[in-house]
Amino acid sequence: MLPPFRRRGYGTDTIRALCHYGFITLGLRRLQVETVADNMSMIKAATRAGFRTEGLLRCSTWANGRFLDETILGQLTEEWQQS
């Protein structure tokens, strides 16, 4: 996201909208977010939307010429709160 639009809650709102689509429209039981472990903005947005950290995959993603750790976050239908 471009700097002028950061820290306004747009990322969390987008994740919540995608949860609604996944759980209500598609009828999915579980959703998962995968991001590089140092992407704190994504991790915070997903956590605010109700996702829980489930694990860390060490050196599993190739980006910018090196391997990076990846964080996995998940949410189940019964944990999701419509807002």
Foldseek 3Di string as FASTA:
>chain_A
DDVVPPPPLPLLVVVLVVVCCVCPVVVDFKDKDKDFPPPVSNVVSVVVQQWDWDDKAQQPDDDPHGGTIMTMTMDGNVRGDRD
